[in-house]
Structures are given as C-alpha cells and as structure tokens.
N, C-alpha and C. Protein backbone atom coordinates (compact mmCIF):
# COMPACT_ATOMS: atom_id res chain seq x y z
N MET A 1 -65.16 17.81 27.21
CA MET A 1 -65.84 18.98 26.67
C MET A 1 -66.07 18.84 25.16
N ILE A 2 -65.05 18.37 24.45
CA ILE A 2 -65.18 18.18 23.00
C ILE A 2 -66.27 17.14 22.70
N ARG A 3 -66.28 16.09 23.50
CA ARG A 3 -67.30 15.06 23.30
C ARG A 3 -68.69 15.62 23.52
N TYR A 4 -68.83 16.49 24.54
CA TYR A 4 -70.13 17.11 24.81
C TYR A 4 -70.57 18.01 23.66
N ILE A 5 -69.66 18.81 23.12
CA ILE A 5 -69.99 19.71 22.01
C ILE A 5 -70.38 18.91 20.78
N LEU A 6 -69.66 17.81 20.53
CA LEU A 6 -70.01 16.96 19.39
C LEU A 6 -71.39 16.35 19.56
N LEU A 7 -71.72 15.97 20.79
CA LEU A 7 -73.04 15.41 21.07
C LEU A 7 -74.13 16.47 20.84
N GLU A 8 -73.88 17.68 21.33
CA GLU A 8 -74.86 18.75 21.12
C GLU A 8 -75.00 19.07 19.63
N THR A 9 -73.91 19.03 18.90
CA THR A 9 -73.97 19.26 17.46
C THR A 9 -74.83 18.21 16.78
N ARG A 10 -74.66 16.97 17.20
CA ARG A 10 -75.45 15.88 16.63
C ARG A 10 -76.93 16.06 16.94
N ILE A 11 -77.24 16.57 18.14
CA ILE A 11 -78.63 16.76 18.54
C ILE A 11 -79.26 17.95 17.83
N ALA A 12 -78.52 19.07 17.77
CA ALA A 12 -79.10 20.33 17.33
C ALA A 12 -79.06 20.55 15.82
N VAL A 13 -78.06 20.00 15.14
CA VAL A 13 -77.86 20.30 13.72
C VAL A 13 -78.26 19.11 12.89
N ARG A 14 -79.22 19.33 12.01
CA ARG A 14 -79.63 18.27 11.10
C ARG A 14 -78.69 18.22 9.89
N PRO A 15 -78.39 17.04 9.38
CA PRO A 15 -77.44 16.93 8.27
C PRO A 15 -77.83 17.74 7.04
N GLY A 16 -79.12 17.90 6.79
CA GLY A 16 -79.56 18.60 5.59
C GLY A 16 -79.15 20.06 5.53
N VAL A 17 -78.92 20.69 6.70
CA VAL A 17 -78.59 22.12 6.69
C VAL A 17 -77.19 22.38 6.15
N TRP A 18 -76.39 21.32 5.98
CA TRP A 18 -75.04 21.49 5.46
C TRP A 18 -75.01 21.51 3.93
N ILE A 19 -76.15 21.30 3.28
CA ILE A 19 -76.16 21.22 1.81
C ILE A 19 -75.74 22.55 1.20
N VAL A 20 -76.40 23.64 1.61
CA VAL A 20 -76.08 24.95 1.03
C VAL A 20 -74.67 25.40 1.37
N PRO A 21 -74.22 25.36 2.65
CA PRO A 21 -72.83 25.73 2.93
C PRO A 21 -71.83 24.86 2.17
N GLY A 22 -72.10 23.56 2.09
CA GLY A 22 -71.19 22.68 1.36
C GLY A 22 -71.12 23.03 -0.11
N LEU A 23 -72.28 23.36 -0.70
CA LEU A 23 -72.30 23.76 -2.11
C LEU A 23 -71.52 25.05 -2.32
N LEU A 24 -71.67 26.00 -1.41
CA LEU A 24 -70.92 27.26 -1.52
C LEU A 24 -69.42 27.03 -1.42
N VAL A 25 -69.01 26.13 -0.55
CA VAL A 25 -67.58 25.82 -0.42
C VAL A 25 -67.05 25.24 -1.72
N VAL A 26 -67.80 24.31 -2.31
CA VAL A 26 -67.37 23.69 -3.57
C VAL A 26 -67.28 24.74 -4.67
N LEU A 27 -68.30 25.60 -4.78
CA LEU A 27 -68.30 26.63 -5.81
C LEU A 27 -67.17 27.63 -5.60
N ARG A 28 -66.89 27.96 -4.35
CA ARG A 28 -65.80 28.90 -4.08
C ARG A 28 -64.44 28.29 -4.44
N LEU A 29 -64.23 27.05 -4.06
CA LEU A 29 -62.96 26.39 -4.35
C LEU A 29 -62.77 26.18 -5.84
N SER A 30 -63.87 25.99 -6.56
CA SER A 30 -63.77 25.78 -8.00
C SER A 30 -63.66 27.09 -8.77
N GLY A 31 -63.83 28.21 -8.07
CA GLY A 31 -63.73 29.51 -8.71
C GLY A 31 -64.97 29.94 -9.47
N LEU A 32 -66.10 29.26 -9.26
CA LEU A 32 -67.32 29.59 -9.98
C LEU A 32 -68.06 30.78 -9.37
N ILE A 33 -67.75 31.11 -8.11
CA ILE A 33 -68.35 32.30 -7.50
C ILE A 33 -67.24 33.21 -7.02
N GLN A 34 -67.49 34.52 -7.13
CA GLN A 34 -66.54 35.52 -6.67
C GLN A 34 -67.12 36.24 -5.45
N PRO A 35 -66.36 36.35 -4.38
CA PRO A 35 -66.88 36.92 -3.13
C PRO A 35 -67.40 38.34 -3.28
N GLU A 36 -66.82 39.14 -4.18
CA GLU A 36 -67.22 40.54 -4.28
C GLU A 36 -68.70 40.68 -4.65
N GLY A 37 -69.22 39.80 -5.48
CA GLY A 37 -70.60 39.90 -5.91
C GLY A 37 -71.61 39.45 -4.87
N TRP A 38 -71.15 38.79 -3.81
CA TRP A 38 -72.05 38.25 -2.81
C TRP A 38 -72.18 39.15 -1.58
N LEU A 39 -71.33 40.17 -1.46
CA LEU A 39 -71.29 40.93 -0.22
C LEU A 39 -72.60 41.66 0.05
N ALA A 40 -73.11 42.41 -0.93
CA ALA A 40 -74.34 43.18 -0.72
C ALA A 40 -75.55 42.28 -0.44
N PRO A 41 -75.80 41.21 -1.24
CA PRO A 41 -76.93 40.32 -0.90
C PRO A 41 -76.78 39.67 0.47
N LEU A 42 -75.56 39.30 0.83
CA LEU A 42 -75.35 38.68 2.14
C LEU A 42 -75.68 39.66 3.27
N GLU A 43 -75.26 40.91 3.14
CA GLU A 43 -75.52 41.88 4.19
C GLU A 43 -77.02 42.10 4.37
N ILE A 44 -77.78 41.99 3.29
CA ILE A 44 -79.22 42.23 3.36
C ILE A 44 -79.98 41.01 3.86
N VAL A 45 -79.72 39.85 3.29
CA VAL A 45 -80.53 38.67 3.54
C VAL A 45 -80.02 37.84 4.71
N TYR A 46 -78.71 37.70 4.82
CA TYR A 46 -78.11 36.77 5.78
C TYR A 46 -78.53 37.00 7.23
N PRO A 47 -78.60 38.25 7.74
CA PRO A 47 -78.93 38.45 9.16
C PRO A 47 -80.27 37.88 9.58
N VAL A 48 -81.22 37.77 8.65
CA VAL A 48 -82.56 37.27 9.01
C VAL A 48 -82.49 35.84 9.52
N ALA A 49 -81.49 35.08 9.08
CA ALA A 49 -81.41 33.67 9.46
C ALA A 49 -81.21 33.50 10.96
N TYR A 50 -80.56 34.44 11.62
CA TYR A 50 -80.23 34.25 13.04
C TYR A 50 -81.44 34.36 13.97
N PRO A 51 -82.30 35.39 13.85
CA PRO A 51 -83.51 35.37 14.69
C PRO A 51 -84.43 34.19 14.39
N VAL A 52 -84.51 33.79 13.13
CA VAL A 52 -85.29 32.60 12.78
C VAL A 52 -84.68 31.37 13.47
N LEU A 53 -83.36 31.32 13.52
CA LEU A 53 -82.67 30.22 14.18
C LEU A 53 -82.97 30.20 15.67
N ALA A 54 -82.94 31.37 16.31
CA ALA A 54 -83.24 31.45 17.74
C ALA A 54 -84.67 31.00 18.02
N HIS A 55 -85.61 31.42 17.19
CA HIS A 55 -87.01 31.02 17.36
C HIS A 55 -87.15 29.51 17.18
N SER A 56 -86.50 28.96 16.16
CA SER A 56 -86.57 27.52 15.92
C SER A 56 -85.96 26.73 17.07
N LEU A 57 -84.88 27.26 17.65
CA LEU A 57 -84.24 26.58 18.77
C LEU A 57 -85.19 26.46 19.96
N LEU A 58 -85.83 27.56 20.34
CA LEU A 58 -86.71 27.52 21.50
C LEU A 58 -87.95 26.68 21.23
N GLU A 59 -88.46 26.73 20.01
CA GLU A 59 -89.60 25.87 19.68
C GLU A 59 -89.20 24.40 19.74
N HIS A 60 -87.98 24.11 19.28
CA HIS A 60 -87.47 22.74 19.34
C HIS A 60 -87.33 22.27 20.78
N GLU A 61 -86.78 23.13 21.64
CA GLU A 61 -86.59 22.74 23.04
C GLU A 61 -87.93 22.57 23.75
N LYS A 62 -88.93 23.36 23.33
CA LYS A 62 -90.26 23.20 23.93
C LYS A 62 -90.84 21.83 23.59
N ARG A 63 -90.70 21.44 22.32
CA ARG A 63 -91.22 20.13 21.91
C ARG A 63 -90.49 18.99 22.60
N TRP A 64 -89.17 19.18 22.81
CA TRP A 64 -88.38 18.13 23.44
C TRP A 64 -88.46 18.17 24.96
N ARG A 65 -89.18 19.17 25.50
CA ARG A 65 -89.34 19.30 26.95
C ARG A 65 -87.96 19.32 27.64
N THR A 66 -87.10 20.17 27.13
CA THR A 66 -85.72 20.22 27.62
C THR A 66 -85.65 20.57 29.10
N LEU A 67 -86.50 21.50 29.54
CA LEU A 67 -86.44 21.92 30.94
C LEU A 67 -86.68 20.75 31.88
N GLU A 68 -87.66 19.92 31.57
CA GLU A 68 -87.95 18.77 32.43
C GLU A 68 -86.81 17.75 32.38
N VAL A 69 -86.22 17.55 31.20
CA VAL A 69 -85.13 16.59 31.07
C VAL A 69 -83.92 17.03 31.88
N LEU A 70 -83.64 18.33 31.89
CA LEU A 70 -82.44 18.84 32.57
C LEU A 70 -82.57 18.81 34.09
N VAL A 71 -83.75 18.56 34.60
CA VAL A 71 -83.91 18.44 36.05
C VAL A 71 -83.03 17.33 36.59
N THR A 72 -82.86 16.25 35.82
CA THR A 72 -82.05 15.12 36.25
C THR A 72 -80.67 15.11 35.60
N ALA A 73 -80.33 16.20 34.87
CA ALA A 73 -79.04 16.28 34.19
C ALA A 73 -78.13 17.26 34.93
N PRO A 74 -76.80 17.06 34.80
CA PRO A 74 -75.88 17.93 35.53
C PRO A 74 -75.70 19.30 34.91
N ARG A 75 -76.18 19.54 33.72
CA ARG A 75 -75.94 20.80 33.03
C ARG A 75 -77.15 21.73 33.18
N CYS A 76 -76.85 23.04 33.25
CA CYS A 76 -77.92 24.01 33.42
C CYS A 76 -78.53 24.37 32.07
N LEU A 77 -79.74 24.89 32.12
CA LEU A 77 -80.47 25.24 30.92
C LEU A 77 -79.74 26.30 30.11
N ALA A 78 -79.14 27.28 30.80
CA ALA A 78 -78.49 28.38 30.11
C ALA A 78 -77.36 27.90 29.22
N SER A 79 -76.49 27.04 29.74
CA SER A 79 -75.35 26.56 28.95
C SER A 79 -75.81 25.70 27.78
N VAL A 80 -76.85 24.90 27.99
CA VAL A 80 -77.36 24.04 26.92
C VAL A 80 -77.92 24.88 25.79
N LEU A 81 -78.74 25.89 26.13
CA LEU A 81 -79.33 26.74 25.09
C LEU A 81 -78.26 27.49 24.31
N LEU A 82 -77.27 28.03 25.01
CA LEU A 82 -76.24 28.81 24.34
C LEU A 82 -75.40 27.93 23.42
N VAL A 83 -75.00 26.75 23.92
CA VAL A 83 -74.19 25.84 23.10
C VAL A 83 -74.98 25.39 21.87
N ARG A 84 -76.25 25.07 22.05
CA ARG A 84 -77.05 24.62 20.91
C ARG A 84 -77.28 25.75 19.92
N PHE A 85 -77.44 26.97 20.39
CA PHE A 85 -77.59 28.10 19.48
C PHE A 85 -76.32 28.29 18.66
N LEU A 86 -75.17 28.18 19.29
CA LEU A 86 -73.91 28.37 18.59
C LEU A 86 -73.64 27.25 17.58
N VAL A 87 -73.93 26.01 17.96
CA VAL A 87 -73.68 24.91 17.02
C VAL A 87 -74.69 24.92 15.88
N MET A 88 -75.91 25.40 16.13
CA MET A 88 -76.88 25.53 15.05
C MET A 88 -76.48 26.63 14.07
N ALA A 89 -75.73 27.62 14.59
CA ALA A 89 -75.26 28.72 13.73
C ALA A 89 -74.02 28.34 12.94
N LEU A 90 -73.42 27.20 13.25
CA LEU A 90 -72.17 26.81 12.58
C LEU A 90 -72.32 26.73 11.06
N PRO A 91 -73.37 26.11 10.50
CA PRO A 91 -73.51 26.10 9.04
C PRO A 91 -73.60 27.50 8.44
N LEU A 92 -74.22 28.44 9.18
CA LEU A 92 -74.28 29.82 8.71
C LEU A 92 -72.90 30.46 8.66
N LEU A 93 -72.08 30.15 9.65
CA LEU A 93 -70.71 30.67 9.67
C LEU A 93 -69.90 30.12 8.50
N VAL A 94 -70.09 28.84 8.21
CA VAL A 94 -69.39 28.23 7.08
C VAL A 94 -69.83 28.87 5.76
N ALA A 95 -71.12 29.17 5.66
CA ALA A 95 -71.62 29.81 4.44
C ALA A 95 -70.96 31.16 4.22
N VAL A 96 -70.82 31.94 5.28
CA VAL A 96 -70.15 33.25 5.15
C VAL A 96 -68.68 33.08 4.80
N ALA A 97 -68.01 32.13 5.43
CA ALA A 97 -66.60 31.90 5.13
C ALA A 97 -66.39 31.51 3.68
N ALA A 98 -67.39 30.82 3.09
CA ALA A 98 -67.26 30.39 1.70
C ALA A 98 -67.62 31.50 0.73
N ALA A 99 -68.57 32.37 1.09
CA ALA A 99 -69.09 33.35 0.14
C ALA A 99 -68.47 34.73 0.26
N ALA A 100 -67.71 35.00 1.32
CA ALA A 100 -67.14 36.34 1.52
C ALA A 100 -65.67 36.23 1.90
N ARG A 101 -64.95 37.30 1.62
CA ARG A 101 -63.53 37.35 2.00
C ARG A 101 -63.40 37.58 3.51
N PRO A 102 -62.30 37.13 4.12
CA PRO A 102 -62.15 37.28 5.58
C PRO A 102 -62.30 38.71 6.07
N GLU A 103 -61.82 39.69 5.30
CA GLU A 103 -61.93 41.08 5.75
C GLU A 103 -63.37 41.58 5.72
N HIS A 104 -64.26 40.84 5.08
CA HIS A 104 -65.67 41.24 5.00
C HIS A 104 -66.56 40.43 5.94
N TRP A 105 -65.99 39.48 6.64
CA TRP A 105 -66.82 38.61 7.48
C TRP A 105 -67.60 39.40 8.52
N VAL A 106 -66.93 40.36 9.18
CA VAL A 106 -67.61 41.11 10.24
C VAL A 106 -68.75 41.95 9.68
N LEU A 107 -68.65 42.39 8.42
CA LEU A 107 -69.72 43.17 7.82
C LEU A 107 -71.01 42.36 7.71
N VAL A 108 -70.86 41.07 7.51
CA VAL A 108 -72.02 40.19 7.34
C VAL A 108 -72.44 39.55 8.66
N LEU A 109 -71.46 39.14 9.46
CA LEU A 109 -71.76 38.40 10.68
C LEU A 109 -72.36 39.28 11.77
N ALA A 110 -71.85 40.51 11.91
CA ALA A 110 -72.28 41.35 13.03
C ALA A 110 -73.79 41.56 13.07
N PRO A 111 -74.44 41.96 11.96
CA PRO A 111 -75.89 42.14 12.03
C PRO A 111 -76.64 40.86 12.39
N GLY A 112 -76.18 39.72 11.85
CA GLY A 112 -76.85 38.46 12.14
C GLY A 112 -76.73 38.08 13.60
N ILE A 113 -75.53 38.22 14.15
CA ILE A 113 -75.32 37.83 15.55
C ILE A 113 -76.11 38.72 16.50
N VAL A 114 -76.10 40.03 16.25
CA VAL A 114 -76.84 40.92 17.15
C VAL A 114 -78.34 40.69 17.04
N LEU A 115 -78.85 40.41 15.84
CA LEU A 115 -80.27 40.12 15.68
C LEU A 115 -80.64 38.80 16.37
N GLY A 116 -79.79 37.79 16.20
CA GLY A 116 -80.04 36.51 16.85
C GLY A 116 -80.03 36.64 18.36
N ALA A 117 -79.08 37.42 18.88
CA ALA A 117 -79.00 37.60 20.33
C ALA A 117 -80.22 38.35 20.86
N VAL A 118 -80.66 39.38 20.13
CA VAL A 118 -81.87 40.11 20.54
C VAL A 118 -83.08 39.18 20.56
N ALA A 119 -83.23 38.40 19.50
CA ALA A 119 -84.37 37.48 19.43
C ALA A 119 -84.34 36.47 20.57
N LEU A 120 -83.15 35.94 20.87
CA LEU A 120 -83.03 34.94 21.92
C LEU A 120 -83.30 35.55 23.29
N LEU A 121 -82.73 36.74 23.55
CA LEU A 121 -82.91 37.37 24.86
C LEU A 121 -84.36 37.75 25.10
N VAL A 122 -84.99 38.40 24.13
CA VAL A 122 -86.39 38.79 24.29
C VAL A 122 -87.28 37.55 24.42
N SER A 123 -86.96 36.50 23.69
CA SER A 123 -87.74 35.26 23.79
C SER A 123 -87.62 34.64 25.17
N LEU A 124 -86.44 34.70 25.77
CA LEU A 124 -86.25 34.14 27.10
C LEU A 124 -87.01 34.93 28.16
N LEU A 125 -87.09 36.24 27.95
CA LEU A 125 -87.76 37.09 28.94
C LEU A 125 -89.27 37.12 28.76
N TRP A 126 -89.74 36.96 27.51
CA TRP A 126 -91.18 37.01 27.24
C TRP A 126 -91.62 35.79 26.45
N GLU A 127 -91.77 35.94 25.14
CA GLU A 127 -92.26 34.85 24.30
C GLU A 127 -91.41 34.74 23.05
N GLU A 128 -91.41 33.53 22.45
CA GLU A 128 -90.62 33.32 21.23
C GLU A 128 -91.09 34.23 20.10
N GLU A 129 -92.41 34.39 19.98
CA GLU A 129 -92.94 35.22 18.89
C GLU A 129 -92.55 36.68 19.06
N ILE A 130 -92.51 37.16 20.31
CA ILE A 130 -92.13 38.55 20.56
C ILE A 130 -90.67 38.76 20.21
N GLY A 131 -89.82 37.83 20.59
CA GLY A 131 -88.40 37.94 20.27
C GLY A 131 -88.16 37.97 18.78
N LEU A 132 -88.84 37.08 18.04
CA LEU A 132 -88.70 37.06 16.59
C LEU A 132 -89.22 38.35 15.98
N ALA A 133 -90.35 38.85 16.48
CA ALA A 133 -90.94 40.07 15.93
C ALA A 133 -90.04 41.27 16.16
N VAL A 134 -89.45 41.39 17.34
CA VAL A 134 -88.56 42.52 17.63
C VAL A 134 -87.35 42.51 16.71
N ALA A 135 -86.73 41.34 16.55
CA ALA A 135 -85.54 41.24 15.70
C ALA A 135 -85.88 41.54 14.24
N LEU A 136 -86.98 40.99 13.75
CA LEU A 136 -87.36 41.23 12.36
C LEU A 136 -87.78 42.68 12.13
N ALA A 137 -88.36 43.31 13.16
CA ALA A 137 -88.71 44.72 13.03
C ALA A 137 -87.46 45.58 12.89
N TRP A 138 -86.43 45.29 13.66
CA TRP A 138 -85.17 46.02 13.55
C TRP A 138 -84.57 45.84 12.15
N TRP A 139 -84.58 44.59 11.67
CA TRP A 139 -84.06 44.35 10.32
C TRP A 139 -84.90 45.07 9.26
N SER A 140 -86.22 45.07 9.42
CA SER A 140 -87.10 45.70 8.44
C SER A 140 -86.85 47.20 8.35
N VAL A 141 -86.67 47.85 9.51
CA VAL A 141 -86.38 49.28 9.52
C VAL A 141 -85.04 49.55 8.82
N SER A 142 -84.05 48.73 9.12
CA SER A 142 -82.73 48.90 8.50
C SER A 142 -82.82 48.71 6.99
N PHE A 143 -83.58 47.72 6.56
CA PHE A 143 -83.73 47.46 5.13
C PHE A 143 -84.45 48.62 4.44
N ALA A 144 -85.54 49.11 5.06
CA ALA A 144 -86.29 50.21 4.46
C ALA A 144 -85.42 51.47 4.34
N VAL A 145 -84.65 51.74 5.39
CA VAL A 145 -83.78 52.92 5.35
C VAL A 145 -82.70 52.76 4.29
N SER A 146 -82.17 51.55 4.17
CA SER A 146 -81.11 51.33 3.17
C SER A 146 -81.61 51.52 1.75
N MET A 147 -82.92 51.33 1.55
CA MET A 147 -83.49 51.49 0.22
C MET A 147 -83.89 52.93 -0.08
N THR A 148 -84.24 53.68 0.98
CA THR A 148 -84.81 55.02 0.73
C THR A 148 -84.14 56.15 1.51
N GLY A 149 -83.66 55.87 2.72
CA GLY A 149 -83.22 56.96 3.60
C GLY A 149 -81.73 57.18 3.60
N PHE A 150 -81.20 57.74 2.52
CA PHE A 150 -79.76 57.91 2.41
C PHE A 150 -79.22 58.88 3.46
N ARG A 151 -79.99 59.90 3.83
CA ARG A 151 -79.51 60.85 4.84
C ARG A 151 -79.37 60.18 6.19
N VAL A 152 -80.30 59.30 6.50
CA VAL A 152 -80.20 58.56 7.76
C VAL A 152 -79.00 57.62 7.72
N LEU A 153 -78.76 57.01 6.58
CA LEU A 153 -77.61 56.12 6.45
C LEU A 153 -76.30 56.83 6.73
N ASP A 154 -76.24 58.12 6.40
CA ASP A 154 -75.00 58.87 6.55
C ASP A 154 -74.91 59.59 7.89
N HIS A 155 -75.98 59.55 8.68
CA HIS A 155 -75.98 60.25 9.96
C HIS A 155 -74.99 59.61 10.92
N ALA A 156 -74.25 60.43 11.63
CA ALA A 156 -73.18 59.92 12.50
C ALA A 156 -73.71 59.05 13.63
N VAL A 157 -74.90 59.39 14.15
CA VAL A 157 -75.45 58.63 15.28
C VAL A 157 -76.46 57.59 14.81
N ALA A 158 -77.42 57.99 13.96
CA ALA A 158 -78.48 57.07 13.54
C ALA A 158 -77.92 55.86 12.80
N SER A 159 -76.86 56.05 12.05
CA SER A 159 -76.29 54.94 11.29
C SER A 159 -75.74 53.85 12.17
N ARG A 160 -75.46 54.15 13.43
CA ARG A 160 -74.94 53.13 14.34
C ARG A 160 -75.99 52.09 14.70
N PHE A 161 -77.27 52.43 14.50
CA PHE A 161 -78.35 51.51 14.84
C PHE A 161 -78.89 50.78 13.62
N LEU A 162 -78.32 51.05 12.46
CA LEU A 162 -78.76 50.40 11.24
C LEU A 162 -77.87 49.20 10.93
N LEU A 163 -78.47 48.15 10.38
CA LEU A 163 -77.74 46.91 10.14
C LEU A 163 -77.20 46.81 8.72
N ILE A 164 -77.76 47.58 7.79
CA ILE A 164 -77.38 47.51 6.38
C ILE A 164 -76.78 48.86 5.99
N LEU A 165 -75.47 48.89 5.74
CA LEU A 165 -74.78 50.16 5.56
C LEU A 165 -73.99 50.27 4.26
N LEU A 166 -74.00 49.25 3.42
CA LEU A 166 -73.15 49.29 2.24
C LEU A 166 -73.54 50.39 1.26
N ARG A 167 -74.79 50.85 1.29
CA ARG A 167 -75.21 51.91 0.38
C ARG A 167 -74.98 53.30 0.95
N SER A 168 -74.45 53.39 2.15
CA SER A 168 -74.18 54.70 2.74
C SER A 168 -72.90 55.28 2.16
N SER A 169 -72.71 56.58 2.38
CA SER A 169 -71.48 57.24 1.92
C SER A 169 -70.43 57.32 3.00
N LEU A 170 -70.63 56.57 4.09
CA LEU A 170 -69.63 56.52 5.15
C LEU A 170 -68.36 55.88 4.62
N THR A 171 -67.25 56.23 5.21
CA THR A 171 -65.98 55.63 4.81
C THR A 171 -65.97 54.15 5.20
N PRO A 172 -65.20 53.32 4.51
CA PRO A 172 -65.11 51.91 4.90
C PRO A 172 -64.70 51.72 6.35
N GLU A 173 -63.83 52.61 6.84
CA GLU A 173 -63.41 52.51 8.24
C GLU A 173 -64.57 52.77 9.19
N ALA A 174 -65.42 53.76 8.86
CA ALA A 174 -66.57 54.08 9.71
C ALA A 174 -67.58 52.93 9.71
N ILE A 175 -67.80 52.35 8.54
CA ILE A 175 -68.72 51.21 8.46
C ILE A 175 -68.18 50.04 9.27
N LEU A 176 -66.90 49.78 9.14
CA LEU A 176 -66.29 48.67 9.87
C LEU A 176 -66.38 48.90 11.38
N LEU A 177 -66.17 50.14 11.80
CA LEU A 177 -66.26 50.46 13.23
C LEU A 177 -67.67 50.18 13.76
N ARG A 178 -68.68 50.54 13.00
CA ARG A 178 -70.06 50.30 13.42
C ARG A 178 -70.37 48.81 13.46
N LYS A 179 -69.84 48.07 12.52
CA LYS A 179 -70.07 46.63 12.50
C LYS A 179 -69.40 45.94 13.69
N TRP A 180 -68.18 46.37 14.01
CA TRP A 180 -67.51 45.80 15.18
C TRP A 180 -68.30 46.11 16.45
N ALA A 181 -68.84 47.32 16.53
CA ALA A 181 -69.65 47.68 17.69
C ALA A 181 -70.90 46.80 17.78
N GLN A 182 -71.54 46.54 16.64
CA GLN A 182 -72.70 45.66 16.63
C GLN A 182 -72.33 44.25 17.05
N LEU A 183 -71.17 43.79 16.61
CA LEU A 183 -70.72 42.45 17.00
C LEU A 183 -70.49 42.39 18.51
N GLY A 184 -69.89 43.45 19.06
CA GLY A 184 -69.67 43.49 20.50
C GLY A 184 -70.98 43.48 21.27
N VAL A 185 -71.96 44.25 20.79
CA VAL A 185 -73.27 44.26 21.43
C VAL A 185 -73.92 42.88 21.35
N GLY A 186 -73.78 42.23 20.21
CA GLY A 186 -74.33 40.89 20.07
C GLY A 186 -73.73 39.90 21.05
N ILE A 187 -72.42 39.98 21.25
CA ILE A 187 -71.76 39.07 22.19
C ILE A 187 -72.22 39.36 23.62
N LEU A 188 -72.35 40.64 23.97
CA LEU A 188 -72.84 41.00 25.30
C LEU A 188 -74.27 40.51 25.52
N LEU A 189 -75.09 40.62 24.49
CA LEU A 189 -76.47 40.14 24.61
C LEU A 189 -76.53 38.63 24.75
N LEU A 190 -75.63 37.92 24.05
CA LEU A 190 -75.58 36.47 24.22
C LEU A 190 -75.19 36.10 25.64
N ALA A 191 -74.25 36.87 26.22
CA ALA A 191 -73.89 36.65 27.62
C ALA A 191 -75.08 36.94 28.53
N SER A 192 -75.87 37.96 28.19
CA SER A 192 -77.07 38.27 28.96
C SER A 192 -78.10 37.16 28.87
N CYS A 193 -78.11 36.46 27.74
CA CYS A 193 -79.03 35.33 27.59
C CYS A 193 -78.75 34.25 28.62
N VAL A 194 -77.47 34.06 28.94
CA VAL A 194 -77.12 33.08 29.96
C VAL A 194 -77.72 33.47 31.30
N LEU A 195 -77.58 34.76 31.66
CA LEU A 195 -78.14 35.25 32.91
C LEU A 195 -79.66 35.17 32.90
N ALA A 196 -80.25 35.51 31.75
CA ALA A 196 -81.72 35.48 31.66
C ALA A 196 -82.25 34.05 31.80
N ALA A 197 -81.55 33.10 31.20
CA ALA A 197 -82.00 31.71 31.28
C ALA A 197 -81.87 31.17 32.70
N ASP A 198 -80.85 31.65 33.43
CA ASP A 198 -80.69 31.21 34.82
C ASP A 198 -81.74 31.84 35.74
N ARG A 199 -82.00 33.13 35.50
CA ARG A 199 -82.93 33.85 36.38
C ARG A 199 -84.38 33.56 36.04
N TYR A 200 -84.65 33.48 34.73
CA TYR A 200 -86.00 33.15 34.27
C TYR A 200 -85.93 31.80 33.58
N PRO A 201 -86.26 30.73 34.27
CA PRO A 201 -86.00 29.38 33.74
C PRO A 201 -86.92 28.96 32.61
N CYS A 202 -87.15 29.89 31.67
CA CYS A 202 -87.88 29.55 30.44
C CYS A 202 -89.19 28.84 30.72
N THR A 203 -90.08 29.52 31.45
CA THR A 203 -91.36 28.89 31.78
C THR A 203 -92.14 28.55 30.52
N HIS A 204 -91.87 29.28 29.43
CA HIS A 204 -92.60 28.99 28.19
C HIS A 204 -92.22 27.64 27.63
N LEU A 205 -91.08 27.08 28.06
CA LEU A 205 -90.71 25.74 27.56
C LEU A 205 -91.61 24.67 28.19
N ARG A 206 -92.26 25.02 29.28
CA ARG A 206 -93.12 24.02 29.93
C ARG A 206 -94.48 23.90 29.24
N ARG A 207 -94.81 24.90 28.40
CA ARG A 207 -96.15 24.92 27.83
C ARG A 207 -96.30 23.91 26.72
C-alpha cells in the first residue's frame, strides 16, 4: 500500500509545487514569519486552491486517458481519483502547517476541503467547468459577505454556510464549531465522490 501511494505521489505531484511550501517551512523555522499575521489571508485565499486542484486533476486524467488505462488495471477509477486528489493536496497541507498554528489549522483547511470536495463531486456528476464554477461561486459569495455583510456574518444560521468568518463577531468557539462542521461535510462529500465515480464512470474523461 505504501509503495502504491508513493507511486501515485510521483505521478500526481510535480516537484515544482513543493517550492512554496518548502520556502514557508524554512521561513517558519527561521522565525522570519509569524503565524498570527497569516491567518486572515490564508482563510481568504487558501480555499480557492482546492477547487482549482480538483479541476486540474480531472483535466489531467482526461489527457492521460485514465479510464481506458484502468480497464486493464486492478484498481477502480474511484480509488485512483481520490488518492491522487489527496496526494496532490499534500503540498497545500504542508503550507498550512508551516504558516499557521495547529489550533488554527481547521479554520483554514475546512473551507478548502469542502470547496474541493464540492468541485470534485459536481465535476464527476456533470462537467469539470461546472464543478469549478459552483465551488468558486460559493467562495465568491462568502468573500463578498465577509467584506460587506456583517449582519449575515453574525447570523446564527446563515453564517454556517459562509467560508470566511474571521471578521464576524461570533465567539471563537462558535467559529470553530462551524469550521469543524464544514470539515465534516467536506469529508462526507469526498466519500460521495467515491460512490459517484463508481456509479458514473466519468464519461467526460473519454472525451
């Protein structure tokens, strides 16, 4: 299993993507960056990387004709896509670990994971562009509200659907609870991606 994961990492992750995470690790260890100053920018910008990653993954698999290759391979399409999505996200996880404190990881990771899962699931059921558009639309609404709609940010129900909450007047515990819920939804959606890939064998990969 370890050998298989290492092989998928070699296939899916290009060496160049480690430059930024590696630089952040060096700067963090040298004390040149402080995690407190990175939390707000990370919460705003970082989640966008995950739907872009999901779109890039499916476009990559289309070019490589993965579906046709797996006809003669023992592994199913669903497991391959999920493993490759997770290993492609590994540099992003390292970047968060370097730029934020452990108690803040879920604040940054949860929006990214749920957006990536939404993009991947919608892409599997329809088209890659639709999945990317849906995820980016959710992020755009959250960003716009965080800049202007303070009442919505503080709303007990509406705030649960927003991805950017640091400017709200909610208590840290309430914000953390919403982020954990988003992380849970993201994990459930990733599990749904496995079912979607098995039931709908990514006909768009054949195009």
